[in-house]
Each structure stands twice: as structure tokens, then as C-alpha cells.
Protein backbone atom coordinates (compact mmCIF):
# COMPACT_ATOMS: atom_id res chain seq x y z
CA UNK A 1 147.24 -47.00 59.00
CA UNK A 2 147.70 -43.59 57.37
CA UNK A 3 151.38 -42.64 57.16
CA UNK A 4 153.87 -40.15 55.81
CA UNK A 5 152.99 -36.76 54.46
CA UNK A 6 149.23 -36.91 54.96
CA UNK A 7 149.67 -37.45 58.75
CA UNK A 8 152.36 -34.81 58.96
CA UNK A 9 150.26 -32.26 57.07
CA UNK A 10 147.17 -32.91 59.23
CA UNK A 11 149.19 -32.42 62.45
CA UNK A 12 150.50 -29.13 60.97
CA UNK A 13 146.93 -28.00 60.22
CA UNK A 14 147.27 -28.46 56.47
CA UNK A 15 144.76 -30.27 54.22
CA UNK A 16 146.46 -33.35 52.73
CA UNK A 17 146.33 -33.69 48.97
CA UNK A 18 146.92 -37.43 48.85
CA UNK A 19 146.99 -40.32 51.24
CA UNK A 20 149.38 -43.26 51.85
CA UNK A 21 147.84 -46.22 53.63
CA UNK A 22 149.66 -49.22 55.03
CA UNK A 23 147.50 -52.27 55.79
CA UNK A 24 148.65 -54.66 58.50
CA UNK A 25 147.58 -58.26 59.05
CA UNK A 26 146.46 -59.07 55.47
CA UNK A 27 148.22 -61.14 52.84
CA UNK A 28 148.98 -59.42 49.52
CA UNK A 29 146.26 -61.48 47.83
CA UNK A 30 143.67 -60.64 50.47
CA UNK A 31 144.66 -56.98 50.39
CA UNK A 32 144.05 -56.69 46.66
CA UNK A 33 140.77 -58.54 47.00
CA UNK A 34 139.56 -56.13 49.68
CA UNK A 35 140.51 -52.88 47.92
CA UNK A 36 139.10 -54.16 44.60
CA UNK A 37 135.70 -53.80 46.14
CA UNK A 38 136.17 -50.01 45.98
CA UNK A 39 136.55 -49.93 42.21
CA UNK A 40 139.41 -50.19 39.66
CA UNK A 41 142.80 -50.79 41.26
CA UNK A 42 146.11 -50.07 39.53
CA UNK A 43 149.25 -51.81 40.78
CA UNK A 44 152.48 -49.83 40.44
CA UNK A 45 156.10 -50.47 41.37
CA UNK A 46 158.48 -53.04 39.91
CA UNK A 47 159.85 -54.62 43.04
CA UNK A 48 156.91 -54.19 45.36
CA UNK A 49 153.34 -53.40 44.41
CA UNK A 50 151.56 -50.34 45.60
CA UNK A 51 147.91 -50.22 44.80
CA UNK A 52 146.50 -46.94 43.60
CA UNK A 53 142.82 -46.35 44.50
CA UNK A 54 141.52 -43.43 42.49
CA UNK A 55 143.85 -40.47 42.06
CA UNK A 56 144.74 -39.70 45.67
CA UNK A 57 145.14 -42.92 47.62
CA UNK A 58 148.10 -45.36 47.57
CA UNK A 59 147.65 -48.62 49.49
CA UNK A 60 150.42 -51.07 50.35
CA UNK A 61 151.66 -53.55 52.92
CA UNK A 62 154.29 -52.35 55.44
CA UNK A 63 157.63 -53.07 53.91
CA UNK A 64 161.34 -53.16 54.65
CA UNK A 65 164.22 -52.18 52.46
CA UNK A 66 167.62 -53.83 52.30
CA UNK A 67 170.60 -52.28 50.61
CA UNK A 68 171.75 -54.84 48.02
CA UNK A 69 173.59 -52.85 45.43
CA UNK A 70 175.18 -49.61 44.46
CA UNK A 71 173.26 -46.47 43.70
CA UNK A 72 169.95 -44.95 44.63
CA UNK A 73 168.05 -47.94 43.23
CA UNK A 74 170.17 -50.60 44.87
CA UNK A 75 167.52 -51.88 47.30
CA UNK A 76 165.50 -55.00 47.77
CA UNK A 77 161.98 -54.25 49.03
CA UNK A 78 159.97 -56.86 50.91
CA UNK A 79 156.40 -56.65 52.14
CA UNK A 80 155.51 -58.03 55.53
CA UNK A 81 151.92 -57.63 56.82
CA UNK A 82 153.03 -58.68 60.31
CA UNK A 83 155.88 -56.16 60.72
CA UNK A 84 155.81 -54.03 63.86
CA UNK A 85 154.83 -50.33 63.63
CA UNK A 86 158.30 -49.32 64.79
CA UNK A 87 160.12 -51.36 62.18
CA UNK A 88 157.73 -50.13 59.44
CA UNK A 89 158.43 -46.54 60.42
CA UNK A 90 162.17 -47.13 60.57
CA UNK A 91 162.56 -46.97 56.77
CA UNK A 92 161.15 -43.47 56.69
CA UNK A 93 163.50 -40.57 55.85
CA UNK A 94 162.71 -38.06 58.53
CA UNK A 95 160.94 -38.31 61.91
CA UNK A 96 158.19 -35.91 60.78
CA UNK A 97 157.30 -38.46 58.10
CA UNK A 98 157.47 -41.45 60.44
CA UNK A 99 154.11 -41.08 62.16
CA UNK A 100 151.17 -43.44 61.74
CA UNK A 101 147.49 -42.71 62.32
CA UNK A 102 144.75 -45.29 62.63
CA UNK A 103 142.15 -44.10 60.10
CA UNK A 104 139.31 -45.66 62.12
CA UNK A 105 140.14 -44.72 65.66
CA UNK A 106 142.37 -41.65 65.15
CA UNK A 107 145.10 -43.23 67.34
CA UNK A 108 148.57 -41.81 66.64
CA UNK A 109 151.60 -44.08 66.57
CA UNK A 110 154.79 -42.11 66.87
CA UNK A 111 157.83 -44.32 67.59
CA UNK A 112 160.51 -41.72 66.62
CA UNK A 113 159.03 -38.54 68.19
CA UNK A 114 157.97 -37.00 64.95
CA UNK A 115 155.19 -35.05 66.62
CA UNK A 116 157.82 -33.36 68.82
CA UNK A 117 159.89 -32.55 65.70
CA UNK A 118 156.90 -30.97 64.04
CA UNK A 119 156.20 -28.88 67.13
CA UNK A 120 159.85 -27.77 67.23
CA UNK A 121 160.00 -27.32 63.44
CA UNK A 122 163.04 -29.46 62.96
CA UNK A 123 164.04 -32.13 60.42
CA UNK A 124 165.87 -35.11 61.79
CA UNK A 125 166.82 -38.37 60.03
CA UNK A 126 165.07 -41.46 61.41
CA UNK A 127 168.23 -43.55 61.04
CA UNK A 128 171.80 -42.67 60.32
CA UNK A 129 172.27 -45.95 58.51
CA UNK A 130 169.27 -45.70 56.12
CA UNK A 131 169.87 -41.98 55.49
CA UNK A 132 173.42 -42.66 54.34
CA UNK A 133 172.35 -45.58 52.19
CA UNK A 134 170.00 -43.46 50.08
CA UNK A 135 171.59 -40.35 48.64
CA UNK A 136 168.29 -39.04 47.32
CA UNK A 137 167.41 -38.22 50.88
CA UNK A 138 169.78 -35.29 50.82
CA UNK A 139 167.70 -33.66 48.05
CA UNK A 140 164.53 -34.56 49.95
CA UNK A 141 166.02 -32.88 53.04
CA UNK A 142 166.53 -29.68 51.09
CA UNK A 143 163.06 -29.97 49.62
CA UNK A 144 161.30 -30.49 52.95
CA UNK A 145 163.38 -27.84 54.79
CA UNK A 146 162.37 -25.33 52.11
CA UNK A 147 158.68 -26.39 51.86
CA UNK A 148 158.07 -26.64 55.60
CA UNK A 149 160.54 -23.87 56.63
CA UNK A 150 162.01 -26.22 59.23
CA UNK A 151 165.61 -26.11 60.48
CA UNK A 152 167.79 -29.14 60.10
CA UNK A 153 169.11 -30.95 63.12
CA UNK A 154 172.92 -30.78 63.30
CA UNK A 155 173.76 -34.48 62.91
CA UNK A 156 171.41 -34.77 59.92
CA UNK A 157 172.93 -31.65 58.50
CA UNK A 158 176.43 -33.04 58.85
CA UNK A 159 175.47 -36.37 57.20
CA UNK A 160 173.84 -34.52 54.29
CA UNK A 161 176.89 -32.38 53.66
CA UNK A 162 179.19 -35.36 53.62
CA UNK A 163 176.98 -37.57 51.41
CA UNK A 164 178.18 -38.76 48.00
CA UNK A 165 175.55 -37.70 45.43
CA UNK A 166 177.30 -39.04 42.30
CA UNK A 167 174.93 -42.04 41.96
CA UNK A 168 171.79 -39.89 41.53
CA UNK A 169 170.23 -39.98 38.02
CA UNK A 170 169.35 -36.60 36.58
CA UNK A 171 165.66 -37.47 36.27
CA UNK A 172 165.37 -38.08 39.99
CA UNK A 173 167.31 -34.91 40.76
CA UNK A 174 164.90 -32.94 38.59
CA UNK A 175 161.88 -34.53 40.28
CA UNK A 176 163.07 -33.28 43.66
CA UNK A 177 163.98 -29.80 42.33
CA UNK A 178 160.50 -29.58 40.75
CA UNK A 179 158.87 -30.26 44.17
CA UNK A 180 161.27 -27.86 45.94
CA UNK A 181 160.46 -24.97 43.60
CA UNK A 182 156.72 -25.57 43.21
CA UNK A 183 155.86 -26.48 46.76
CA UNK A 184 158.04 -23.87 48.50
CA UNK A 185 156.31 -20.61 49.49
CA UNK A 186 159.75 -18.96 49.06
CA UNK A 187 161.99 -20.63 46.43
CA UNK A 188 164.98 -18.58 47.57
CA UNK A 189 164.93 -20.69 50.78
CA UNK A 190 165.25 -23.79 48.66
CA UNK A 191 168.12 -22.31 46.69
CA UNK A 192 169.90 -21.48 49.95
CA UNK A 193 169.49 -25.03 51.24
CA UNK A 194 170.78 -26.48 47.90
CA UNK A 195 173.94 -24.45 48.42
CA UNK A 196 174.17 -24.98 52.23
CA UNK A 197 173.87 -28.74 51.94
CA UNK A 198 176.61 -28.70 49.22
CA UNK A 199 174.11 -30.05 46.65
CA UNK A 200 174.98 -27.35 44.13
CA UNK A 201 178.71 -27.93 44.67
CA UNK A 202 178.39 -31.63 43.97
CA UNK A 203 175.66 -31.78 41.33
CA UNK A 204 175.70 -28.31 39.71
CA UNK A 205 179.32 -27.15 39.37
CA UNK A 206 178.22 -24.35 36.99
CA UNK A 207 175.90 -22.84 39.59
CA UNK A 208 176.59 -19.31 40.67
CA UNK A 209 174.40 -16.98 42.67
CA UNK A 210 174.22 -13.47 44.05
CA UNK A 211 171.94 -11.45 46.24
CA UNK A 212 170.03 -10.17 43.20
CA UNK A 213 168.97 -13.65 42.08
CA UNK A 214 167.99 -14.65 45.62
CA UNK A 215 165.91 -11.49 46.01
CA UNK A 216 164.21 -12.22 42.70
CA UNK A 217 163.46 -15.82 43.70
CA UNK A 218 161.97 -14.55 46.91
CA UNK A 219 159.69 -12.10 45.05
CA UNK A 220 158.79 -14.33 42.08
CA UNK A 221 155.83 -16.26 43.74
CA UNK A 222 153.89 -13.00 44.22
CA UNK A 223 153.88 -12.57 40.47
CA UNK A 224 153.25 -16.20 39.53
CA UNK A 225 149.69 -16.83 40.80
CA UNK A 226 148.22 -16.96 37.28
CA UNK A 227 151.02 -19.09 35.82
CA UNK A 228 150.76 -22.82 35.05
CA UNK A 229 153.10 -25.18 36.95
CA UNK A 230 155.33 -25.36 33.86
CA UNK A 231 155.54 -21.64 33.63
CA UNK A 232 156.31 -21.27 37.35
CA UNK A 233 159.12 -23.76 37.07
CA UNK A 234 160.54 -21.99 34.01
CA UNK A 235 160.37 -18.66 35.90
CA UNK A 236 162.08 -20.03 39.02
CA UNK A 237 164.73 -21.95 37.09
CA UNK A 238 165.44 -18.96 34.87
CA UNK A 239 166.08 -16.84 37.97
CA UNK A 240 168.02 -19.61 39.78
CA UNK A 241 170.28 -20.00 36.77
CA UNK A 242 170.49 -16.35 35.76
CA UNK A 243 174.01 -15.71 37.09
CA UNK A 244 175.32 -19.09 35.85
CA UNK A 245 176.59 -20.47 32.55
CA UNK A 246 174.00 -22.26 30.38
CA UNK A 247 175.70 -25.59 31.18
CA UNK A 248 173.82 -25.45 34.49
CA UNK A 249 170.63 -26.39 32.60
CA UNK A 250 172.26 -29.63 31.49
CA UNK A 251 173.37 -30.40 35.01
CA UNK A 252 169.87 -29.86 36.36
CA UNK A 253 168.34 -32.34 33.94
CA UNK A 254 165.33 -30.10 33.06
CA UNK A 255 162.32 -31.82 31.47
CA UNK A 256 158.80 -30.92 30.36
CA UNK A 257 155.96 -30.48 32.83
CA UNK A 258 152.44 -31.05 31.68
CA UNK A 259 153.54 -30.62 28.10
CA UNK A 260 155.32 -27.35 28.81
CA UNK A 261 158.96 -27.48 27.72
CA UNK A 262 160.69 -25.88 30.75
CA UNK A 263 164.18 -26.22 29.29
CA UNK A 264 163.23 -24.48 26.01
CA UNK A 265 161.41 -21.65 27.77
CA UNK A 266 164.34 -20.97 30.09
CA UNK A 267 166.75 -20.97 27.16
CA UNK A 268 164.53 -18.48 25.32
CA UNK A 269 164.42 -16.19 28.29
CA UNK A 270 168.21 -16.28 28.62
CA UNK A 271 168.69 -15.65 24.86
CA UNK A 272 166.11 -13.01 24.01
CA UNK A 273 165.61 -11.04 27.17
CA UNK A 274 167.16 -7.55 27.08
CA UNK A 275 166.40 -7.05 23.36
CA UNK A 276 165.63 -3.41 22.55
CA UNK A 277 161.83 -2.85 22.28
CA UNK A 278 161.31 0.68 21.01
CA UNK A 279 158.23 0.04 18.85
CA UNK A 280 155.10 -2.13 18.88
CA UNK A 281 156.67 -4.04 15.97
CA UNK A 282 159.60 -5.05 18.14
CA UNK A 283 157.10 -6.37 20.71
CA UNK A 284 155.25 -8.36 18.13
CA UNK A 285 158.53 -9.92 16.86
CA UNK A 286 159.63 -10.81 20.36
CA UNK A 287 156.28 -12.48 21.07
CA UNK A 288 157.15 -14.99 18.34
CA UNK A 289 160.27 -15.98 20.29
CA UNK A 290 159.25 -15.66 23.96
CA UNK A 291 156.45 -16.46 26.37
CA UNK A 292 155.64 -12.82 26.99
CA UNK A 293 153.67 -13.51 30.18
CA UNK A 294 156.68 -15.34 31.53
CA UNK A 295 159.04 -12.58 30.55
CA UNK A 296 156.80 -10.00 32.19
CA UNK A 297 156.91 -11.92 35.45
CA UNK A 298 160.69 -12.21 35.16
CA UNK A 299 160.99 -8.39 34.88
CA UNK A 300 158.76 -7.90 37.90
CA UNK A 301 160.73 -10.44 39.96
CA UNK A 302 164.04 -8.69 39.19
CA UNK A 303 162.45 -5.33 40.08
CA UNK A 304 162.94 -3.84 36.61
CA UNK A 305 161.82 -0.19 36.24
CA UNK A 306 160.56 -1.30 32.81
CA UNK A 307 158.21 -3.98 34.12
CA UNK A 308 155.01 -1.95 34.21
CA UNK A 309 155.56 -0.45 30.79
CA UNK A 310 156.34 -3.83 29.34
CA UNK A 311 153.24 -5.44 30.84
CA UNK A 312 150.97 -2.56 29.73
CA UNK A 313 152.26 -2.75 26.13
CA UNK A 314 151.87 -6.56 26.00
CA UNK A 315 148.30 -6.25 27.24
CA UNK A 316 147.44 -3.49 24.80
CA UNK A 317 148.78 -5.50 21.85
CA UNK A 318 147.06 -8.68 23.04
CA UNK A 319 150.19 -10.79 22.95
CA UNK A 320 150.48 -11.92 26.53
CA UNK A 321 149.33 -15.50 25.80
CA UNK A 322 150.52 -15.88 22.18
CA UNK A 323 151.53 -13.81 19.12
CA UNK A 324 148.75 -12.14 17.08
CA UNK A 325 147.23 -14.39 14.45
CA UNK A 326 147.96 -13.58 10.86
CA UNK A 327 144.93 -12.20 8.96
CA UNK A 328 146.04 -13.83 5.69
CA UNK A 329 146.32 -17.62 5.39
CA UNK A 330 147.23 -20.03 2.60
CA UNK A 331 143.59 -20.80 1.89
CA UNK A 332 142.96 -17.14 1.23
CA UNK A 333 145.63 -17.16 -1.45
CA UNK A 334 143.97 -20.16 -3.12
CA UNK A 335 140.62 -18.29 -2.95
CA UNK A 336 142.33 -15.45 -4.81
CA UNK A 337 143.35 -17.86 -7.62
CA UNK A 338 146.92 -18.57 -6.62
CA UNK A 339 148.29 -22.05 -7.19
CA UNK A 340 150.05 -23.56 -4.15
CA UNK A 341 153.79 -23.17 -4.59
CA UNK A 342 157.01 -22.46 -2.78
CA UNK A 343 156.17 -18.75 -3.12
CA UNK A 344 153.26 -19.09 -0.63
CA UNK A 345 155.56 -18.96 2.38
CA UNK A 346 157.28 -15.77 1.23
CA UNK A 347 154.01 -14.04 0.40
CA UNK A 348 152.39 -14.92 3.75
CA UNK A 349 155.55 -13.91 5.63
CA UNK A 350 155.66 -10.53 3.87
CA UNK A 351 151.98 -9.83 4.50
CA UNK A 352 152.28 -10.91 8.19
CA UNK A 353 155.28 -8.66 8.67
CA UNK A 354 153.32 -5.70 7.23
CA UNK A 355 150.45 -6.62 9.54
CA UNK A 356 152.79 -6.44 12.52
CA UNK A 357 153.94 -3.02 11.33
CA UNK A 358 150.27 -1.98 11.21
CA UNK A 359 150.53 -1.34 7.47
CA UNK A 360 147.76 -3.86 6.94
CA UNK A 361 145.09 -4.52 9.57
CA UNK A 362 142.26 -6.43 7.89
CA UNK A 363 141.88 -9.47 5.61
CA UNK A 364 140.46 -7.31 2.84
CA UNK A 365 143.50 -5.00 2.99
CA UNK A 366 145.79 -8.03 2.88
CA UNK A 367 143.99 -9.48 -0.17
CA UNK A 368 144.11 -6.16 -1.99
CA UNK A 369 147.86 -5.83 -1.33
CA UNK A 370 148.57 -9.35 -2.62
CA UNK A 371 146.57 -8.79 -5.81
CA UNK A 372 148.30 -5.50 -6.45
CA UNK A 373 151.87 -6.67 -5.76
CA UNK A 374 151.88 -10.26 -6.91
């Protein structure tokens, strides 16, 4: 049976990107034997195995969760191939995610009226008990409300606002924030839900916002189409945190995405933005400290009158992706007869600075300068 997000997305007319499959009536051993026929199978999960088939399909037995300890991870998970559909769906977070579909016949199994919730665009907890046992579901509520643009049913809203979030590890908080920002068409909606559900109050005490930052978050996606996921996150987090103290970045638990250091890029934007840029040289120097493409998009998002001029200059100088390369390198000094020494760095730095000032433009000019001055 297909379940969760792939069924929800199909009902909403969206193309699912991955698929969760629960298999009923087979023992764990038999299940692995069957799916192994389709190629390499990777088992993941410490307490209960989920089998990954390829990149997009997760296969498991239906399972139940019992609260056995404190915190978000304090659950015992048990697989049961003979569990009823209703019980299997009962552990789901929201009714829109508690719908099953028979992959062979197309039959829909909807024990908690998730189809109706999708039609009415409302998020409702499947179970008051399980919702309150897992505090991460509050962040998932904000994430789905923002991504799907669904309203939150009042009882679920009340439970979320009263939930204790102190047991959530920062890495899980960041994972949900990452999904909220990247998968929301309008990140400002997500920011509003984070505040409305009292998530910022409980997890991010340094957070402050104003209409300017919310407007910028709303506009940012229209300027982010050519950015990587890491750059998009850095842009959205920079705007989200713009009116707050830098301690907010610690509270959010930022980490790298696909090798892109989101935390570092946000800190650079906060530190170096607003520097005076009256000459090309100033632009070149700033490109050594900032992701200029990212800064350009930040200016556009905030509606700066300077955004077009900045973008045009960056494009003209060819520094949108990275700083200009130095024409003179250490190997060139060796070719000129210099012996490697501690002076190399000073010579190369001096020549590069002159290059950025347009005093030297070619390798031959750089070599001639070095021979004449050193």
C-alpha cells in the first residue's frame, strides 16, 4: 500500500517525488527476499528497518509506536504485517498523511477522512494522544501548513501552541526548517506559522521580525530560481534573521547543505552587507568576502533602489560566481628565477591588489612589474 505524502500529493494533483510503501501479510524475512529481486536493497533505521529501493522508494512493514521514554526519540517501534489499515494509519501525524492507496488496484483506504481534509485544505491531527507525545509534530505542522497553504484546525492549533518543545534536538529542528523554507512557495507564510504556533517564542528567543522582513521573504523566491538549495536557504535565513541578534543563528542550529555552509554565508551577509562600494576595486574586494550572487538577490528581495546597479556591476566585472582569478601565481615567480620564500605571499598579494585596481591586467604586465620592483 502506498501511503503518506505520495498519496496526498497525487490527490492534490501534484507529481510525487518519492514513494513510501507498506507491505501487509509478509514476514520481515519474506519482505526482504521479495524486494531483493528488484536489485540492491539498503536497510536503514536503528529500531525498525526500512528498505530503500533505489533513490525514491522506501518499503517497510506497517508498524506501531509506543512512547517508552522522554524526548522526541523516546519511542519503541514494532512491525506487524497483520496490523489493520486503521491502526497502521493511526500513527500518522495529520489526516492528510493518513491515506493508503493500493498500488495495484488504485483502491483508496481513508480511515480518518484525509481526503475530506485535503478538499477543505485543513490540517488536523490524527490523534490527540500521539500528537502530544511527539513534539516534532509541531514543527511539521508549521512546515505542512506553509508548504500546502492549508489552515490548521482549531483543536490541533491549540495543542501545538501548548506543546513543550524543549526536548527537540537542534539538528531535527533545522531539518524541519530546511523543508519549510525550501518547499514553501512563500517562505513568509512559514515564518508567520513559526510565530503563530509559538515555535519562535519557545525555540528562538532571539527572533524578532517586522513587516519589512516578511515582505522580503515573500518576494525572495522570485529572485532565487537560479540559486542552489544551499544558496536559497542562506538567502531565506538571512532575511528571516535580519531584524534579530546573531544569537538566533545558534538557536536555529544551521548546518551545511550539499557542501554549502549556510551558517557561514548568512554571517557574511550580516557582516559585510552595506559596505560602501564607490569603485570597481571595492566590488572586487567585497567579492572575496561575500557570495555576490547571494547578496544581489538579498538586495532585490528587500527592494533596494541599488539592486539593479549592483547586479549590473557584478555582471560587468564577472564576479557573480567567484572573485576574479589572479593573473600571477607562485609558479610564475619560480619561472622568473625567484626562490620560494615567505616573500612570495606578499609579492602575489601586492600584484593581485594592483590587478584589482586595473593597474595590471595581463600576466606579462605582472611579470614586468615584479622584475622591475623586486
